[in-house]
Amino acid sequence: MIAAFSVAPSGGRSDDSVHDAVAAAVRVVRESGLPNRTSSMFTEIEGEWDEVMAVVKQATEAVAAYGTRVSLVLKADIRPGRTGELDGKLERLEAAIARQEARAVPVARR
């Protein structure tokens, strides 16, 4: 499965940095050893259900130290038996874009 999640604190002191809280969460993910990628909006992690959810929980707990409340947004793509999808999905998308460009398929407009 791939999980994309965003976690942020609220209710902390005014001098607390959201960046520091997010950095703590990303550190948990990176130290997990599971395939992962972080963008400006989400962190993606790939693995089996139990291991991914355990890392999401640990990341959420790391952020909890920065406030009295935590916001968690989670989206998952659950495909049993599939691995390497963190990169595989992007590779298939790029191939589809290249095919369309080669055929000069126009982009739909409103």
PDB file of N, CA and C in Angstrom:
ATOM      1  N   MET A   1       0.828  -1.179   0.000  1.00  0.00           N
ATOM      2  CA  MET A   1       0.000   0.000   0.000  1.00  0.00           C
ATOM      3  C   MET A   1       0.869   1.238   0.000  1.00  0.00           C
ATOM      4  N   ILE A   2       0.321   2.292  -0.529  1.00  0.00           N
ATOM      5  CA  ILE A   2       0.954   3.607  -0.433  1.00  0.00           C
ATOM      6  C   ILE A   2       0.025   4.474   0.397  1.00  0.00           C
ATOM      7  N   ALA A   3       0.579   5.161   1.364  1.00  0.00           N
ATOM      8  CA  ALA A   3      -0.190   6.132   2.130  1.00  0.00           C
ATOM      9  C   ALA A   3       0.439   7.498   1.926  1.00  0.00           C
ATOM     10  N   ALA A   4      -0.398   8.472   1.658  1.00  0.00           N
ATOM     11  CA  ALA A   4       0.030   9.867   1.592  1.00  0.00           C
ATOM     12  C   ALA A   4      -0.593  10.547   2.799  1.00  0.00           C
ATOM     13  N   PHE A   5       0.233  11.201   3.592  1.00  0.00           N
ATOM     14  CA  PHE A   5      -0.342  11.841   4.766  1.00  0.00           C
ATOM     15  C   PHE A   5       0.316  13.174   5.061  1.00  0.00           C
ATOM     16  N   SER A   6      -0.443  13.981   5.763  1.00  0.00           N
ATOM     17  CA  SER A   6       0.014  15.283   6.217  1.00  0.00           C
ATOM     18  C   SER A   6      -0.369  15.387   7.686  1.00  0.00           C
ATOM     19  N   VAL A   7       0.551  15.815   8.500  1.00  0.00           N
ATOM     20  CA  VAL A   7       0.292  15.923   9.927  1.00  0.00           C
ATOM     21  C   VAL A   7       0.834  17.264  10.417  1.00  0.00           C
ATOM     22  N   ALA A   8       0.042  17.957  11.238  1.00  0.00           N
ATOM     23  CA  ALA A   8       0.446  19.270  11.740  1.00  0.00           C
ATOM     24  C   ALA A   8      -0.130  19.488  13.133  1.00  0.00           C
ATOM     25  N   PRO A   9       0.618  20.213  13.961  1.00  0.00           N
ATOM     26  CA  PRO A   9       0.137  20.507  15.314  1.00  0.00           C
ATOM     27  C   PRO A   9      -0.732  21.760  15.338  1.00  0.00           C
ATOM     28  N   SER A  10      -1.513  21.885  16.375  1.00  0.00           N
ATOM     29  CA  SER A  10      -2.194  23.149  16.659  1.00  0.00           C
ATOM     30  C   SER A  10      -2.300  23.275  18.169  1.00  0.00           C
ATOM     31  N   GLY A  11      -2.572  24.484  18.625  1.00  0.00           N
ATOM     32  CA  GLY A  11      -2.718  24.707  20.051  1.00  0.00           C
ATOM     33  C   GLY A  11      -1.412  24.794  20.809  1.00  0.00           C
ATOM     34  N   GLY A  12      -0.331  24.995  20.089  1.00  0.00           N
ATOM     35  CA  GLY A  12       0.971  25.112  20.755  1.00  0.00           C
ATOM     36  C   GLY A  12       1.269  26.548  21.132  1.00  0.00           C
ATOM     37  N   ARG A  13       2.462  26.777  21.628  1.00  0.00           N
ATOM     38  CA  ARG A  13       2.891  28.128  21.963  1.00  0.00           C
ATOM     39  C   ARG A  13       3.104  28.918  20.669  1.00  0.00           C
ATOM     40  N   SER A  14       2.984  30.202  20.739  1.00  0.00           N
ATOM     41  CA  SER A  14       3.116  31.040  19.540  1.00  0.00           C
ATOM     42  C   SER A  14       4.520  31.001  18.951  1.00  0.00           C
ATOM     43  N   ASP A  15       5.530  30.627  19.749  1.00  0.00           N
ATOM     44  CA  ASP A  15       6.891  30.575  19.227  1.00  0.00           C
ATOM     45  C   ASP A  15       7.262  29.201  18.675  1.00  0.00           C
ATOM     46  N   ASP A  16       6.331  28.234  18.747  1.00  0.00           N
ATOM     47  CA  ASP A  16       6.586  26.906  18.172  1.00  0.00           C
ATOM     48  C   ASP A  16       6.518  26.969  16.653  1.00  0.00           C
ATOM     49  N   SER A  17       7.402  26.264  16.002  1.00  0.00           N
ATOM     50  CA  SER A  17       7.447  26.249  14.541  1.00  0.00           C
ATOM     51  C   SER A  17       6.756  25.002  13.997  1.00  0.00           C
ATOM     52  N   VAL A  18       5.837  25.195  13.071  1.00  0.00           N
ATOM     53  CA  VAL A  18       5.210  24.050  12.404  1.00  0.00           C
ATOM     54  C   VAL A  18       6.276  23.276  11.640  1.00  0.00           C
ATOM     55  N   HIS A  19       7.255  23.988  11.096  1.00  0.00           N
ATOM     56  CA  HIS A  19       8.330  23.310  10.366  1.00  0.00           C
ATOM     57  C   HIS A  19       9.068  22.309  11.245  1.00  0.00           C
ATOM     58  N   ASP A  20       9.315  22.683  12.489  1.00  0.00           N
ATOM     59  CA  ASP A  20      10.006  21.765  13.395  1.00  0.00           C
ATOM     60  C   ASP A  20       9.162  20.520  13.660  1.00  0.00           C
ATOM     61  N   ALA A  21       7.867  20.706  13.823  1.00  0.00           N
ATOM     62  CA  ALA A  21       6.969  19.570  14.069  1.00  0.00           C
ATOM     63  C   ALA A  21       6.924  18.649  12.860  1.00  0.00           C
ATOM     64  N   VAL A  22       6.799  19.236  11.682  1.00  0.00           N
ATOM     65  CA  VAL A  22       6.765  18.428  10.459  1.00  0.00           C
ATOM     66  C   VAL A  22       8.102  17.727  10.258  1.00  0.00           C
ATOM     67  N   ALA A  23       9.182  18.397  10.555  1.00  0.00           N
ATOM     68  CA  ALA A  23      10.508  17.774  10.439  1.00  0.00           C
ATOM     69  C   ALA A  23      10.610  16.556  11.352  1.00  0.00           C
ATOM     70  N   ALA A  24      10.032  16.629  12.535  1.00  0.00           N
ATOM     71  CA  ALA A  24      10.047  15.484  13.444  1.00  0.00           C
ATOM     72  C   ALA A  24       9.282  14.305  12.843  1.00  0.00           C
ATOM     73  N   ALA A  25       8.149  14.596  12.198  1.00  0.00           N
ATOM     74  CA  ALA A  25       7.355  13.536  11.563  1.00  0.00           C
ATOM     75  C   ALA A  25       8.108  12.925  10.390  1.00  0.00           C
ATOM     76  N   VAL A  26       8.700  13.760   9.559  1.00  0.00           N
ATOM     77  CA  VAL A  26       9.434  13.264   8.388  1.00  0.00           C
ATOM     78  C   VAL A  26      10.638  12.438   8.829  1.00  0.00           C
ATOM     79  N   ARG A  27      11.257  12.835   9.898  1.00  0.00           N
ATOM     80  CA  ARG A  27      12.398  12.064  10.420  1.00  0.00           C
ATOM     81  C   ARG A  27      11.969  10.652  10.810  1.00  0.00           C
ATOM     82  N   VAL A  28      10.810  10.529  11.450  1.00  0.00           N
ATOM     83  CA  VAL A  28      10.276   9.206  11.810  1.00  0.00           C
ATOM     84  C   VAL A  28      10.088   8.361  10.550  1.00  0.00           C
ATOM     85  N   VAL A  29       9.515   8.971   9.522  1.00  0.00           N
ATOM     86  CA  VAL A  29       9.270   8.244   8.277  1.00  0.00           C
ATOM     87  C   VAL A  29      10.586   7.798   7.649  1.00  0.00           C
ATOM     88  N   ARG A  30      11.519   8.692   7.544  1.00  0.00           N
ATOM     89  CA  ARG A  30      12.808   8.360   6.920  1.00  0.00           C
ATOM     90  C   ARG A  30      13.566   7.298   7.697  1.00  0.00           C
ATOM     91  N   GLU A  31      13.488   7.339   9.005  1.00  0.00           N
ATOM     92  CA  GLU A  31      14.178   6.347   9.822  1.00  0.00           C
ATOM     93  C   GLU A  31      13.483   4.986   9.814  1.00  0.00           C
ATOM     94  N   SER A  32      12.263   4.923   9.284  1.00  0.00           N
ATOM     95  CA  SER A  32      11.520   3.655   9.243  1.00  0.00           C
ATOM     96  C   SER A  32      12.143   2.647   8.285  1.00  0.00           C
ATOM     97  N   GLY A  33      12.876   3.142   7.293  1.00  0.00           N
ATOM     98  CA  GLY A  33      13.464   2.262   6.290  1.00  0.00           C
ATOM     99  C   GLY A  33      12.513   1.905   5.157  1.00  0.00           C
ATOM    100  N   LEU A  34      11.251   2.331   5.247  1.00  0.00           N
ATOM    101  CA  LEU A  34      10.298   2.071   4.169  1.00  0.00           C
ATOM    102  C   LEU A  34      10.495   3.086   3.049  1.00  0.00           C
ATOM    103  N   PRO A  35      10.185   2.699   1.807  1.00  0.00           N
ATOM    104  CA  PRO A  35      10.274   3.664   0.709  1.00  0.00           C
ATOM    105  C   PRO A  35       9.372   4.859   1.014  1.00  0.00           C
ATOM    106  N   ASN A  36       9.883   6.063   0.795  1.00  0.00           N
ATOM    107  CA  ASN A  36       9.096   7.256   1.097  1.00  0.00           C
ATOM    108  C   ASN A  36       9.533   8.426   0.240  1.00  0.00           C
ATOM    109  N   ARG A  37       8.680   9.422   0.204  1.00  0.00           N
ATOM    110  CA  ARG A  37       8.952  10.652  -0.548  1.00  0.00           C
ATOM    111  C   ARG A  37       8.173  11.767   0.141  1.00  0.00           C
ATOM    112  N   THR A  38       8.798  12.927   0.296  1.00  0.00           N
ATOM    113  CA  THR A  38       8.126  14.070   0.904  1.00  0.00           C
ATOM    114  C   THR A  38       8.065  15.206  -0.107  1.00  0.00           C
ATOM    115  N   SER A  39       6.884  15.804  -0.220  1.00  0.00           N
ATOM    116  CA  SER A  39       6.699  16.979  -1.069  1.00  0.00           C
ATOM    117  C   SER A  39       6.243  18.139  -0.187  1.00  0.00           C
ATOM    118  N   SER A  40       5.886  19.234  -0.793  1.00  0.00           N
ATOM    119  CA  SER A  40       5.486  20.403  -0.023  1.00  0.00           C
ATOM    120  C   SER A  40       4.173  20.205   0.727  1.00  0.00           C
ATOM    121  N   MET A  41       3.373  19.230   0.309  1.00  0.00           N
ATOM    122  CA  MET A  41       2.054  19.040   0.919  1.00  0.00           C
ATOM    123  C   MET A  41       1.876  17.724   1.667  1.00  0.00           C
ATOM    124  N   PHE A  42       2.537  16.666   1.229  1.00  0.00           N
ATOM    125  CA  PHE A  42       2.327  15.341   1.797  1.00  0.00           C
ATOM    126  C   PHE A  42       3.635  14.562   1.893  1.00  0.00           C
ATOM    127  N   THR A  43       3.610  13.565   2.743  1.00  0.00           N
ATOM    128  CA  THR A  43       4.660  12.557   2.769  1.00  0.00           C
ATOM    129  C   THR A  43       4.016  11.250   2.344  1.00  0.00           C
ATOM    130  N   GLU A  44       4.649  10.562   1.406  1.00  0.00           N
ATOM    131  CA  GLU A  44       4.164   9.261   0.934  1.00  0.00           C
ATOM    132  C   GLU A  44       5.074   8.182   1.490  1.00  0.00           C
ATOM    133  N   ILE A  45       4.465   7.065   1.851  1.00  0.00           N
ATOM    134  CA  ILE A  45       5.220   5.935   2.386  1.00  0.00           C
ATOM    135  C   ILE A  45       4.606   4.662   1.842  1.00  0.00           C
ATOM    136  N   GLU A  46       5.461   3.672   1.520  1.00  0.00           N
ATOM    137  CA  GLU A  46       4.983   2.427   0.920  1.00  0.00           C
ATOM    138  C   GLU A  46       5.412   1.233   1.762  1.00  0.00           C
ATOM    139  N   GLY A  47       4.493   0.297   1.921  1.00  0.00           N
ATOM    140  CA  GLY A  47       4.789  -0.933   2.653  1.00  0.00           C
ATOM    141  C   GLY A  47       3.506  -1.692   2.920  1.00  0.00           C
ATOM    142  N   GLU A  48       3.596  -2.656   3.809  1.00  0.00           N
ATOM    143  CA  GLU A  48       2.414  -3.409   4.220  1.00  0.00           C
ATOM    144  C   GLU A  48       1.587  -2.566   5.189  1.00  0.00           C
ATOM    145  N   TRP A  49       0.288  -2.856   5.241  1.00  0.00           N
ATOM    146  CA  TRP A  49      -0.660  -2.078   6.044  1.00  0.00           C
ATOM    147  C   TRP A  49      -0.139  -1.806   7.457  1.00  0.00           C
ATOM    148  N   ASP A  50       0.195  -2.862   8.194  1.00  0.00           N
ATOM    149  CA  ASP A  50       0.579  -2.703   9.597  1.00  0.00           C
ATOM    150  C   ASP A  50       1.835  -1.859   9.762  1.00  0.00           C
ATOM    151  N   GLU A  51       2.822  -2.044   8.898  1.00  0.00           N
ATOM    152  CA  GLU A  51       4.054  -1.280   9.045  1.00  0.00           C
ATOM    153  C   GLU A  51       3.858   0.179   8.658  1.00  0.00           C
ATOM    154  N   VAL A  52       3.075   0.448   7.614  1.00  0.00           N
ATOM    155  CA  VAL A  52       2.809   1.829   7.210  1.00  0.00           C
ATOM    156  C   VAL A  52       2.014   2.550   8.293  1.00  0.00           C
ATOM    157  N   MET A  53       0.958   1.906   8.795  1.00  0.00           N
ATOM    158  CA  MET A  53       0.134   2.559   9.806  1.00  0.00           C
ATOM    159  C   MET A  53       0.905   2.786  11.111  1.00  0.00           C
ATOM    160  N   ALA A  54       1.827   1.882  11.433  1.00  0.00           N
ATOM    161  CA  ALA A  54       2.654   2.072  12.630  1.00  0.00           C
ATOM    162  C   ALA A  54       3.538   3.313  12.474  1.00  0.00           C
ATOM    163  N   VAL A  55       4.084   3.524  11.279  1.00  0.00           N
ATOM    164  CA  VAL A  55       4.929   4.694  11.038  1.00  0.00           C
ATOM    165  C   VAL A  55       4.084   5.967  11.073  1.00  0.00           C
ATOM    166  N   VAL A  56       2.900   5.936  10.478  1.00  0.00           N
ATOM    167  CA  VAL A  56       2.010   7.105  10.524  1.00  0.00           C
ATOM    168  C   VAL A  56       1.677   7.442  11.979  1.00  0.00           C
ATOM    169  N   LYS A  57       1.399   6.432  12.785  1.00  0.00           N
ATOM    170  CA  LYS A  57       1.103   6.664  14.197  1.00  0.00           C
ATOM    171  C   LYS A  57       2.302   7.278  14.915  1.00  0.00           C
ATOM    172  N   GLN A  58       3.494   6.748  14.673  1.00  0.00           N
ATOM    173  CA  GLN A  58       4.705   7.285  15.318  1.00  0.00           C
ATOM    174  C   GLN A  58       4.967   8.726  14.880  1.00  0.00           C
ATOM    175  N   ALA A  59       4.738   9.022  13.603  1.00  0.00           N
ATOM    176  CA  ALA A  59       4.930  10.382  13.098  1.00  0.00           C
ATOM    177  C   ALA A  59       3.925  11.333  13.748  1.00  0.00           C
ATOM    178  N   THR A  60       2.697  10.872  13.897  1.00  0.00           N
ATOM    179  CA  THR A  60       1.665  11.680  14.549  1.00  0.00           C
ATOM    180  C   THR A  60       2.033  11.948  16.006  1.00  0.00           C
ATOM    181  N   GLU A  61       2.532  10.935  16.686  1.00  0.00           N
ATOM    182  CA  GLU A  61       2.964  11.100  18.077  1.00  0.00           C
ATOM    183  C   GLU A  61       4.137  12.071  18.185  1.00  0.00           C
ATOM    184  N   ALA A  62       5.029  12.055  17.212  1.00  0.00           N
ATOM    185  CA  ALA A  62       6.161  12.989  17.218  1.00  0.00           C
ATOM    186  C   ALA A  62       5.678  14.431  17.105  1.00  0.00           C
ATOM    187  N   VAL A  63       4.651  14.653  16.291  1.00  0.00           N
ATOM    188  CA  VAL A  63       4.093  15.997  16.113  1.00  0.00           C
ATOM    189  C   VAL A  63       3.315  16.435  17.356  1.00  0.00           C
ATOM    190  N   ALA A  64       2.736  15.504  18.066  1.00  0.00           N
ATOM    191  CA  ALA A  64       1.938  15.830  19.253  1.00  0.00           C
ATOM    192  C   ALA A  64       2.744  16.584  20.311  1.00  0.00           C
ATOM    193  N   ALA A  65       4.044  16.409  20.304  1.00  0.00           N
ATOM    194  CA  ALA A  65       4.899  17.111  21.263  1.00  0.00           C
ATOM    195  C   ALA A  65       4.927  18.619  21.010  1.00  0.00           C
ATOM    196  N   TYR A  66       4.438  19.061  19.858  1.00  0.00           N
ATOM    197  CA  TYR A  66       4.494  20.470  19.480  1.00  0.00           C
ATOM    198  C   TYR A  66       3.180  21.213  19.658  1.00  0.00           C
ATOM    199  N   GLY A  67       2.169  20.574  20.212  1.00  0.00           N
ATOM    200  CA  GLY A  67       0.893  21.244  20.405  1.00  0.00           C
ATOM    201  C   GLY A  67      -0.031  20.411  21.267  1.00  0.00           C
ATOM    202  N   THR A  68      -1.207  20.948  21.501  1.00  0.00           N
ATOM    203  CA  THR A  68      -2.192  20.237  22.309  1.00  0.00           C
ATOM    204  C   THR A  68      -3.150  19.426  21.444  1.00  0.00           C
ATOM    205  N   ARG A  69      -2.989  19.564  20.137  1.00  0.00           N
ATOM    206  CA  ARG A  69      -3.886  18.928  19.182  1.00  0.00           C
ATOM    207  C   ARG A  69      -3.112  18.633  17.904  1.00  0.00           C
ATOM    208  N   VAL A  70      -3.501  17.562  17.197  1.00  0.00           N
ATOM    209  CA  VAL A  70      -2.822  17.199  15.951  1.00  0.00           C
ATOM    210  C   VAL A  70      -3.872  16.995  14.859  1.00  0.00           C
ATOM    211  N   SER A  71      -3.589  17.534  13.691  1.00  0.00           N
ATOM    212  CA  SER A  71      -4.419  17.315  12.513  1.00  0.00           C
ATOM    213  C   SER A  71      -3.718  16.311  11.604  1.00  0.00           C
ATOM    214  N   LEU A  72      -4.436  15.258  11.214  1.00  0.00           N
ATOM    215  CA  LEU A  72      -3.888  14.226  10.330  1.00  0.00           C
ATOM    216  C   LEU A  72      -4.797  14.064   9.130  1.00  0.00           C
ATOM    217  N   VAL A  73      -4.224  14.196   7.938  1.00  0.00           N
ATOM    218  CA  VAL A  73      -4.929  13.917   6.686  1.00  0.00           C
ATOM    219  C   VAL A  73      -4.252  12.701   6.089  1.00  0.00           C
ATOM    220  N   LEU A  74      -5.038  11.677   5.747  1.00  0.00           N
ATOM    221  CA  LEU A  74      -4.474  10.415   5.265  1.00  0.00           C
ATOM    222  C   LEU A  74      -5.250   9.922   4.048  1.00  0.00           C
ATOM    223  N   LYS A  75      -4.503   9.544   3.029  1.00  0.00           N
ATOM    224  CA  LYS A  75      -5.080   8.953   1.821  1.00  0.00           C
ATOM    225  C   LYS A  75      -4.272   7.705   1.515  1.00  0.00           C
ATOM    226  N   ALA A  76      -4.942   6.606   1.156  1.00  0.00           N
ATOM    227  CA  ALA A  76      -4.218   5.358   0.921  1.00  0.00           C
ATOM    228  C   ALA A  76      -4.648   4.708  -0.383  1.00  0.00           C
ATOM    229  N   ASP A  77      -3.692   4.082  -1.047  1.00  0.00           N
ATOM    230  CA  ASP A  77      -3.922   3.256  -2.232  1.00  0.00           C
ATOM    231  C   ASP A  77      -3.533   1.842  -1.817  1.00  0.00           C
ATOM    232  N   ILE A  78      -4.527   0.996  -1.636  1.00  0.00           N
ATOM    233  CA  ILE A  78      -4.301  -0.344  -1.102  1.00  0.00           C
ATOM    234  C   ILE A  78      -4.415  -1.356  -2.229  1.00  0.00           C
ATOM    235  N   ARG A  79      -3.272  -1.925  -2.620  1.00  0.00           N
ATOM    236  CA  ARG A  79      -3.224  -2.916  -3.692  1.00  0.00           C
ATOM    237  C   ARG A  79      -2.385  -4.094  -3.220  1.00  0.00           C
ATOM    238  N   PRO A  80      -3.014  -5.072  -2.578  1.00  0.00           N
ATOM    239  CA  PRO A  80      -2.265  -6.211  -2.054  1.00  0.00           C
ATOM    240  C   PRO A  80      -1.413  -6.882  -3.132  1.00  0.00           C
ATOM    241  N   GLY A  81      -0.215  -7.264  -2.733  1.00  0.00           N
ATOM    242  CA  GLY A  81       0.673  -7.972  -3.646  1.00  0.00           C
ATOM    243  C   GLY A  81       1.507  -7.081  -4.546  1.00  0.00           C
ATOM    244  N   ARG A  82       1.286  -5.766  -4.505  1.00  0.00           N
ATOM    245  CA  ARG A  82       2.056  -4.849  -5.350  1.00  0.00           C
ATOM    246  C   ARG A  82       3.138  -4.183  -4.524  1.00  0.00           C
ATOM    247  N   THR A  83       4.318  -4.055  -5.085  1.00  0.00           N
ATOM    248  CA  THR A  83       5.409  -3.322  -4.462  1.00  0.00           C
ATOM    249  C   THR A  83       6.030  -2.417  -5.516  1.00  0.00           C
ATOM    250  N   GLY A  84       6.806  -1.461  -5.085  1.00  0.00           N
ATOM    251  CA  GLY A  84       7.471  -0.557  -6.023  1.00  0.00           C
ATOM    252  C   GLY A  84       6.538   0.440  -6.674  1.00  0.00           C
ATOM    253  N   GLU A  85       5.356   0.615  -6.111  1.00  0.00           N
ATOM    254  CA  GLU A  85       4.373   1.504  -6.728  1.00  0.00           C
ATOM    255  C   GLU A  85       4.645   2.982  -6.474  1.00  0.00           C
ATOM    256  N   LEU A  86       5.429   3.287  -5.464  1.00  0.00           N
ATOM    257  CA  LEU A  86       5.757   4.685  -5.202  1.00  0.00           C
ATOM    258  C   LEU A  86       6.411   5.308  -6.434  1.00  0.00           C
ATOM    259  N   ASP A  87       7.294   4.550  -7.077  1.00  0.00           N
ATOM    260  CA  ASP A  87       7.918   5.004  -8.320  1.00  0.00           C
ATOM    261  C   ASP A  87       7.162   4.511  -9.549  1.00  0.00           C
ATOM    262  N   GLY A  88       6.607   3.300  -9.468  1.00  0.00           N
ATOM    263  CA  GLY A  88       5.921   2.709 -10.620  1.00  0.00           C
ATOM    264  C   GLY A  88       4.769   3.546 -11.137  1.00  0.00           C
ATOM    265  N   LYS A  89       3.980   4.106 -10.233  1.00  0.00           N
ATOM    266  CA  LYS A  89       2.845   4.930 -10.654  1.00  0.00           C
ATOM    267  C   LYS A  89       3.319   6.161 -11.422  1.00  0.00           C
ATOM    268  N   LEU A  90       4.404   6.781 -10.941  1.00  0.00           N
ATOM    269  CA  LEU A  90       4.935   7.956 -11.631  1.00  0.00           C
ATOM    270  C   LEU A  90       5.523   7.593 -12.988  1.00  0.00           C
ATOM    271  N   GLU A  91       6.199   6.447 -13.062  1.00  0.00           N
ATOM    272  CA  GLU A  91       6.770   6.011 -14.341  1.00  0.00           C
ATOM    273  C   GLU A  91       5.665   5.779 -15.369  1.00  0.00           C
ATOM    274  N   ARG A  92       4.563   5.157 -14.953  1.00  0.00           N
ATOM    275  CA  ARG A  92       3.450   4.926 -15.883  1.00  0.00           C
ATOM    276  C   ARG A  92       2.797   6.233 -16.311  1.00  0.00           C
ATOM    277  N   LEU A  93       2.699   7.184 -15.397  1.00  0.00           N
ATOM    278  CA  LEU A  93       2.141   8.490 -15.745  1.00  0.00           C
ATOM    279  C   LEU A  93       3.024   9.197 -16.761  1.00  0.00           C
ATOM    280  N   GLU A  94       4.327   9.210 -16.515  1.00  0.00           N
ATOM    281  CA  GLU A  94       5.246   9.867 -17.452  1.00  0.00           C
ATOM    282  C   GLU A  94       5.214   9.199 -18.824  1.00  0.00           C
ATOM    283  N   ALA A  95       5.083   7.889 -18.865  1.00  0.00           N
ATOM    284  CA  ALA A  95       4.986   7.178 -20.146  1.00  0.00           C
ATOM    285  C   ALA A  95       3.712   7.574 -20.882  1.00  0.00           C
ATOM    286  N   ALA A  96       2.606   7.715 -20.162  1.00  0.00           N
ATOM    287  CA  ALA A  96       1.345   8.124 -20.789  1.00  0.00           C
ATOM    288  C   ALA A  96       1.444   9.542 -21.338  1.00  0.00           C
ATOM    289  N   ILE A  97       2.090  10.428 -20.600  1.00  0.00           N
ATOM    290  CA  ILE A  97       2.283  11.804 -21.076  1.00  0.00           C
ATOM    291  C   ILE A  97       3.134  11.805 -22.334  1.00  0.00           C
ATOM    292  N   ALA A  98       4.205  11.022 -22.344  1.00  0.00           N
ATOM    293  CA  ALA A  98       5.076  10.949 -23.518  1.00  0.00           C
ATOM    294  C   ALA A  98       4.321  10.412 -24.727  1.00  0.00           C
ATOM    295  N   ARG A  99       3.477   9.390 -24.526  1.00  0.00           N
ATOM    296  CA  ARG A  99       2.685   8.850 -25.644  1.00  0.00           C
ATOM    297  C   ARG A  99       1.739   9.903 -26.197  1.00  0.00           C
ATOM    298  N   GLN A 100       1.087  10.645 -25.315  1.00  0.00           N
ATOM    299  CA  GLN A 100       0.161  11.684 -25.769  1.00  0.00           C
ATOM    300  C   GLN A 100       0.898  12.790 -26.507  1.00  0.00           C
ATOM    301  N   GLU A 101       2.048  13.171 -26.001  1.00  0.00           N
ATOM    302  CA  GLU A 101       2.822  14.210 -26.679  1.00  0.00           C
ATOM    303  C   GLU A 101       3.278  13.734 -28.051  1.00  0.00           C
ATOM    304  N   ALA A 102       3.642  12.457 -28.161  1.00  0.00           N
ATOM    305  CA  ALA A 102       4.087  11.913 -29.446  1.00  0.00           C
ATOM    306  C   ALA A 102       2.952  11.907 -30.457  1.00  0.00           C
ATOM    307  N   ARG A 103       1.735  11.696 -29.987  1.00  0.00           N
ATOM    308  CA  ARG A 103       0.566  11.694 -30.875  1.00  0.00           C
ATOM    309  C   ARG A 103      -0.039  13.076 -31.011  1.00  0.00           C
ATOM    310  N   ALA A 104       0.517  14.056 -30.283  1.00  0.00           N
ATOM    311  CA  ALA A 104       0.032  15.436 -30.287  1.00  0.00           C
ATOM    312  C   ALA A 104      -1.440  15.482 -29.931  1.00  0.00           C
ATOM    313  N   VAL A 105      -1.829  14.737 -28.901  1.00  0.00           N
ATOM    314  CA  VAL A 105      -3.208  14.759 -28.420  1.00  0.00           C
ATOM    315  C   VAL A 105      -3.428  16.088 -27.713  1.00  0.00           C
ATOM    316  N   PRO A 106      -4.420  16.883 -28.164  1.00  0.00           N
ATOM    317  CA  PRO A 106      -4.629  18.181 -27.517  1.00  0.00           C
ATOM    318  C   PRO A 106      -5.178  17.999 -26.099  1.00  0.00           C
ATOM    319  N   VAL A 107      -4.836  18.945 -25.253  1.00  0.00           N
ATOM    320  CA  VAL A 107      -5.330  18.955 -23.892  1.00  0.00           C
ATOM    321  C   VAL A 107      -6.752  19.509 -23.918  1.00  0.00           C
ATOM    322  N   ALA A 108      -7.666  18.846 -23.233  1.00  0.00           N
ATOM    323  CA  ALA A 108      -9.045  19.294 -23.177  1.00  0.00           C
ATOM    324  C   ALA A 108      -9.111  20.661 -22.501  1.00  0.00           C
ATOM    325  N   ARG A 109      -9.914  21.543 -23.072  1.00  0.00           N
ATOM    326  CA  ARG A 109     -10.090  22.877 -22.504  1.00  0.00           C
ATOM    327  C   ARG A 109     -11.557  23.106 -22.221  1.00  0.00           C
ATOM    328  N   ARG A 110     -11.812  23.950 -21.242  1.00  0.00           N
ATOM    329  CA  ARG A 110     -13.206  24.280 -20.893  1.00  0.00           C
ATOM    330  C   ARG A 110     -13.747  25.325 -21.803  1.00  0.00           C
TER     331      ARG A 110
END
